[in-house]
Amino acid sequence: MLKTATLKTLSFLDNITEWTGRLISWLTLFMALTVILVLILRNWFDLSAIALQESVTYMHAAVFMLGAAFALKHNDHVRVDVFYQSFSPRKKALVNMSGFVLLLLPVCLFIFIYCKDYVLFSWALREDSNQPGGIPFMYLLKSLLLAMPVALILQGFADFLKCLAYLCGWIEVPQLLESSHDKEATHA
């Protein structure tokens, strides 16, 4: 029963991160197209589009703040793994589980707690852009300060469960525990 619940929770959390990451990744295309449109309007038609310029900031923030969990899921965060790369999968699982509990979780909780009042104040004011013709809903942009740590905690917990499931013998070695050499070999 514990095994089933753990694996279902793990799958659910991974699917949320995968779905949101793939959806958010499309913003990079729209962001690039919007920048091109802003440049064309400014340079060829001498038009200033403040809302379009600000939309690039909104998209950029969403890509990085919400894409962080997707990068964590796919083990694409920058890390110094001088020792880690030579560890066995079991030792990597223990390091990852410790990293979640001792580093990722406290940092994300700190970010959430520190930013909560700032975001709530922005919501209370229904803060808008300070630029004439800018995008309203600045409070939605600032809400990403709370969404990012929540998304990272959820994905970190999913990775914690993957490591736990591996250590309990419920699953094979998950991709996050494969060495970088194994990862490169599968991509080649």
Protein backbone atom coordinates (compact mmCIF):
# COMPACT_ATOMS: atom_id res chain seq x y z
CA MET A 1 0.00 0.00 0.00
CA LEU A 2 2.82 2.42 0.86
CA LYS A 3 4.62 1.45 -2.33
CA THR A 4 1.54 2.13 -4.46
CA ALA A 5 0.80 5.47 -2.78
CA THR A 6 4.43 6.56 -3.12
CA LEU A 7 4.65 5.63 -6.78
CA LYS A 8 1.30 7.30 -7.59
CA THR A 9 2.32 10.49 -5.79
CA LEU A 10 5.69 10.45 -7.55
CA SER A 11 4.04 9.98 -10.93
CA PHE A 12 1.47 12.71 -10.24
CA LEU A 13 4.11 15.26 -9.19
CA ASP A 14 6.39 14.38 -12.12
CA ASN A 15 3.49 14.74 -14.55
CA ILE A 16 2.58 18.18 -13.18
CA THR A 17 6.17 19.37 -13.60
CA GLU A 18 6.48 17.83 -17.06
CA TRP A 19 3.20 19.33 -18.27
CA THR A 20 3.89 22.81 -16.89
CA GLY A 21 7.50 22.72 -18.13
CA ARG A 22 6.49 21.84 -21.67
CA LEU A 23 3.76 24.47 -21.64
CA ILE A 24 6.11 27.13 -20.26
CA SER A 25 8.81 26.23 -22.79
CA TRP A 26 6.54 27.52 -25.56
CA LEU A 27 6.82 30.97 -24.00
CA THR A 28 10.42 31.17 -25.22
CA LEU A 29 9.17 31.06 -28.80
CA PHE A 30 6.47 33.67 -28.13
CA MET A 31 9.00 35.78 -26.26
CA ALA A 32 11.39 35.78 -29.23
CA LEU A 33 8.57 36.58 -31.67
CA THR A 34 7.37 39.39 -29.41
CA VAL A 35 10.86 40.92 -29.25
CA ILE A 36 11.04 40.81 -33.06
CA LEU A 37 7.61 42.43 -33.28
CA VAL A 38 8.62 45.18 -30.82
CA LEU A 39 11.76 45.89 -32.86
CA ILE A 40 9.84 45.99 -36.13
CA LEU A 41 7.20 48.32 -34.69
CA ARG A 42 9.83 50.61 -33.17
CA ASN A 43 12.32 50.73 -36.05
CA TRP A 44 10.09 50.50 -39.13
CA PHE A 45 6.88 52.14 -37.96
CA ASP A 46 8.20 54.40 -35.17
CA LEU A 47 5.62 52.94 -32.77
CA SER A 48 6.25 52.24 -29.12
CA ALA A 49 4.41 49.26 -27.69
CA ILE A 50 4.90 49.39 -23.92
CA ALA A 51 2.50 46.52 -23.26
CA LEU A 52 4.35 44.30 -25.74
CA GLN A 53 7.71 45.21 -24.19
CA GLU A 54 6.40 44.43 -20.72
CA SER A 55 4.93 41.15 -21.93
CA VAL A 56 8.49 40.03 -22.71
CA THR A 57 9.37 40.64 -19.05
CA TYR A 58 6.32 38.64 -17.94
CA MET A 59 7.18 35.74 -20.26
CA HIS A 60 10.86 35.81 -19.30
CA ALA A 61 9.98 35.69 -15.61
CA ALA A 62 7.53 32.83 -16.14
CA VAL A 63 10.05 30.80 -18.13
CA PHE A 64 12.74 31.06 -15.47
CA MET A 65 10.60 30.97 -12.35
CA LEU A 66 8.33 28.14 -13.43
CA GLY A 67 10.91 26.39 -15.59
CA ALA A 68 13.21 25.85 -12.60
CA ALA A 69 11.23 22.81 -11.46
CA PHE A 70 11.31 21.38 -15.00
CA ALA A 71 15.10 21.80 -15.07
CA LEU A 72 15.31 20.10 -11.67
CA LYS A 73 13.20 17.19 -12.91
CA HIS A 74 15.48 16.67 -15.91
CA ASN A 75 18.65 17.07 -13.83
CA ASP A 76 19.66 20.11 -15.88
CA HIS A 77 20.63 22.42 -13.04
CA VAL A 78 24.24 23.47 -12.85
CA ARG A 79 26.12 21.52 -10.24
CA VAL A 80 29.67 20.85 -9.26
CA ASP A 81 29.83 17.08 -9.23
CA VAL A 82 33.51 16.37 -8.80
CA PHE A 83 32.69 13.68 -6.24
CA TYR A 84 29.04 13.02 -7.04
CA GLN A 85 29.71 11.66 -10.54
CA SER A 86 31.77 8.79 -9.13
CA PHE A 87 29.20 7.83 -6.45
CA SER A 88 27.13 4.69 -6.74
CA PRO A 89 23.41 5.17 -7.46
CA ARG A 90 22.65 4.31 -3.82
CA LYS A 91 25.03 6.98 -2.52
CA LYS A 92 23.67 9.50 -5.05
CA ALA A 93 20.15 8.75 -3.80
CA LEU A 94 21.23 9.48 -0.23
CA VAL A 95 22.98 12.70 -1.29
CA ASN A 96 19.90 13.83 -3.27
CA MET A 97 17.56 13.06 -0.39
CA SER A 98 19.80 14.94 2.03
CA GLY A 99 20.11 17.84 -0.42
CA PHE A 100 16.33 18.13 -0.61
CA VAL A 101 15.83 18.09 3.16
CA LEU A 102 18.85 20.21 4.13
CA LEU A 103 19.19 22.63 1.18
CA LEU A 104 16.34 22.83 -1.34
CA LEU A 105 13.45 22.69 1.13
CA PRO A 106 14.83 25.30 3.58
CA VAL A 107 15.86 27.70 0.78
CA CYS A 108 12.47 27.41 -0.94
CA LEU A 109 10.63 27.88 2.35
CA PHE A 110 12.76 30.95 3.08
CA ILE A 111 12.00 32.43 -0.36
CA PHE A 112 8.29 31.75 0.06
CA ILE A 113 8.09 33.22 3.58
CA TYR A 114 10.27 36.20 2.70
CA CYS A 115 8.25 37.07 -0.44
CA LYS A 116 4.76 36.26 0.86
CA ASP A 117 3.97 39.69 2.36
CA TYR A 118 5.45 41.49 -0.66
CA VAL A 119 3.21 39.52 -3.02
CA LEU A 120 0.13 39.82 -0.80
CA PHE A 121 0.64 43.59 -0.58
CA SER A 122 0.83 43.76 -4.38
CA TRP A 123 -2.41 41.76 -4.59
CA ALA A 124 -4.09 44.02 -2.01
CA LEU A 125 -3.21 47.04 -4.14
CA ARG A 126 -4.09 45.23 -7.37
CA GLU A 127 -0.77 46.66 -8.53
CA ASP A 128 -0.51 47.60 -12.18
CA SER A 129 2.36 48.68 -14.39
CA ASN A 130 3.82 52.09 -13.61
CA GLN A 131 4.21 52.75 -17.35
CA PRO A 132 1.40 54.42 -19.28
CA GLY A 133 -0.10 51.80 -21.57
CA GLY A 134 1.68 49.03 -19.68
CA ILE A 135 0.28 45.66 -18.69
CA PRO A 136 -2.01 45.61 -15.69
CA PHE A 137 -1.83 42.75 -13.22
CA MET A 138 1.71 43.34 -11.92
CA TYR A 139 0.58 41.34 -8.89
CA LEU A 140 0.34 38.25 -11.10
CA LEU A 141 3.95 38.71 -12.17
CA LYS A 142 5.02 39.09 -8.54
CA SER A 143 3.09 35.91 -7.68
CA LEU A 144 5.77 33.99 -9.53
CA LEU A 145 7.96 34.67 -6.48
CA LEU A 146 5.68 32.27 -4.60
CA ALA A 147 4.99 29.87 -7.46
CA MET A 148 8.69 29.12 -8.03
CA PRO A 149 9.49 27.79 -4.54
CA VAL A 150 6.25 25.80 -4.48
CA ALA A 151 7.05 24.20 -7.86
CA LEU A 152 10.62 23.45 -6.73
CA ILE A 153 9.42 21.91 -3.48
CA LEU A 154 6.93 19.70 -5.32
CA GLN A 155 9.55 18.51 -7.81
CA GLY A 156 12.17 18.15 -5.09
CA PHE A 157 9.73 16.00 -3.15
CA ALA A 158 9.08 13.92 -6.29
CA ASP A 159 12.85 13.40 -6.67
CA PHE A 160 13.05 12.53 -2.97
CA LEU A 161 10.35 9.90 -3.54
CA LYS A 162 12.22 8.55 -6.59
CA CYS A 163 15.34 8.09 -4.48
CA LEU A 164 13.32 6.52 -1.67
CA ALA A 165 11.56 4.16 -4.10
CA TYR A 166 14.94 3.18 -5.57
CA LEU A 167 16.46 2.55 -2.13
CA CYS A 168 13.41 0.44 -1.19
CA GLY A 169 13.81 -1.59 -4.39
CA TRP A 170 10.48 -0.49 -5.84
CA ILE A 171 11.94 0.97 -9.04
CA GLU A 172 15.06 0.63 -11.16
CA VAL A 173 17.76 3.31 -11.06
CA PRO A 174 15.97 6.57 -11.91
CA GLN A 175 17.46 8.85 -14.54
CA LEU A 176 18.39 11.47 -11.95
CA LEU A 177 20.84 8.96 -10.40
CA GLU A 178 22.53 7.96 -13.65
CA SER A 179 26.04 9.27 -14.13
CA SER A 180 26.62 12.08 -16.60
CA HIS A 181 28.59 9.60 -18.73
CA ASP A 182 25.56 7.30 -18.95
CA LYS A 183 23.35 10.28 -19.81
CA GLU A 184 25.69 11.38 -22.62
CA ALA A 185 25.81 7.84 -24.00
CA THR A 186 22.00 7.63 -24.20
CA HIS A 187 21.81 10.98 -25.99
CA ALA A 188 24.46 10.07 -28.57
